[in-house]
Protein backbone atom coordinates (compact mmCIF):
# COMPACT_ATOMS: atom_id res chain seq x y z
CA UNK A 1 -2.91 26.10 -4.91
CA UNK A 2 -0.90 25.57 -8.07
CA UNK A 3 -0.40 22.08 -9.50
CA UNK A 4 3.29 21.90 -8.59
CA UNK A 5 2.33 22.86 -5.02
CA UNK A 6 -0.12 19.98 -4.79
CA UNK A 7 2.63 17.67 -6.06
CA UNK A 8 4.90 18.93 -3.27
CA UNK A 9 2.20 18.42 -0.63
CA UNK A 10 1.39 14.93 -1.90
CA UNK A 11 5.07 13.96 -2.06
CA UNK A 12 5.53 15.22 1.49
CA UNK A 13 2.71 12.99 2.70
CA UNK A 14 3.90 9.96 0.73
CA UNK A 15 7.48 10.34 1.92
CA UNK A 16 6.70 11.07 5.58
CA UNK A 17 8.24 8.21 7.58
CA UNK A 18 6.12 9.13 10.61
CA UNK A 19 2.93 8.22 8.74
CA UNK A 20 1.87 4.65 8.11
CA UNK A 21 -0.02 3.70 4.95
CA UNK A 22 -3.46 4.22 6.51
CA UNK A 23 -2.53 7.68 7.84
CA UNK A 24 -1.24 8.67 4.39
CA UNK A 25 -4.47 7.46 2.79
CA UNK A 26 -6.53 9.32 5.38
CA UNK A 27 -4.68 12.61 4.74
CA UNK A 28 -4.93 12.24 0.97
CA UNK A 29 -8.63 11.35 1.16
CA UNK A 30 -9.28 14.46 3.26
CA UNK A 31 -7.47 16.57 0.66
CA UNK A 32 -9.54 14.88 -2.05
CA UNK A 33 -12.79 15.64 -0.22
CA UNK A 34 -11.73 19.28 0.12
CA UNK A 35 -10.87 19.42 -3.58
CA UNK A 36 -14.25 17.93 -4.53
CA UNK A 37 -15.98 20.53 -2.34
CA UNK A 38 -13.99 23.25 -4.09
CA UNK A 39 -15.05 21.86 -7.48
CA UNK A 40 -18.70 21.85 -6.42
CA UNK A 41 -18.40 25.46 -5.24
CA UNK A 42 -16.77 26.44 -8.53
CA UNK A 43 -19.56 24.83 -10.51
CA UNK A 44 -22.15 26.76 -8.52
CA UNK A 45 -20.47 30.17 -8.48
CA UNK A 46 -18.79 32.27 -11.12
CA UNK A 47 -16.66 33.85 -8.39
CA UNK A 48 -14.60 30.72 -7.67
CA UNK A 49 -11.65 29.95 -9.93
CA UNK A 50 -11.26 26.20 -10.49
CA UNK A 51 -8.55 26.20 -13.15
CA UNK A 52 -6.25 23.82 -11.22
CA UNK A 53 -8.86 21.95 -9.21
CA UNK A 54 -9.35 19.15 -11.73
CA UNK A 55 -5.59 18.65 -11.93
CA UNK A 56 -5.40 18.50 -8.13
CA UNK A 57 -8.07 15.82 -8.06
CA UNK A 58 -6.21 13.82 -10.71
CA UNK A 59 -2.93 13.99 -8.74
CA UNK A 60 -4.70 12.97 -5.53
CA UNK A 61 -6.44 10.06 -7.29
CA UNK A 62 -3.10 8.83 -8.64
CA UNK A 63 -1.46 9.02 -5.22
CA UNK A 64 -4.35 7.16 -3.61
CA UNK A 65 -4.27 4.52 -6.33
CA UNK A 66 -0.53 4.07 -5.82
CA UNK A 67 -1.21 3.43 -2.13
CA UNK A 68 -3.84 0.86 -3.07
CA UNK A 69 -6.68 2.92 -1.59
CA UNK A 70 -10.26 2.72 -2.77
CA UNK A 71 -10.73 6.43 -3.41
CA UNK A 72 -14.07 6.21 -5.22
CA UNK A 73 -16.88 7.87 -3.36
CA UNK A 74 -20.60 7.58 -3.90
CA UNK A 75 -20.63 10.96 -5.63
CA UNK A 76 -18.08 9.74 -8.18
CA UNK A 77 -20.46 7.05 -9.35
CA UNK A 78 -23.79 8.85 -9.06
CA UNK A 79 -25.75 11.30 -11.13
CA UNK A 80 -24.39 14.20 -9.06
CA UNK A 81 -20.90 13.75 -10.51
CA UNK A 82 -19.27 16.96 -11.64
């Protein structure tokens, strides 16, 4: 997924009137977990391209912060951080 695509997906979630704040946070956190898993896979395999993955994580973190979500996970604070 290219960075501008992630921006479009995030904007779609943030602007969806059918989703309340908690549903938006839940969707964004799921995307963040998937992105973190992709980053872990990329760090363990030369066959996975992670060029945009760090940017995706940054955009997701910003969106979650803007919603007032606590997006830090245990892996973000521990020794296993990427």
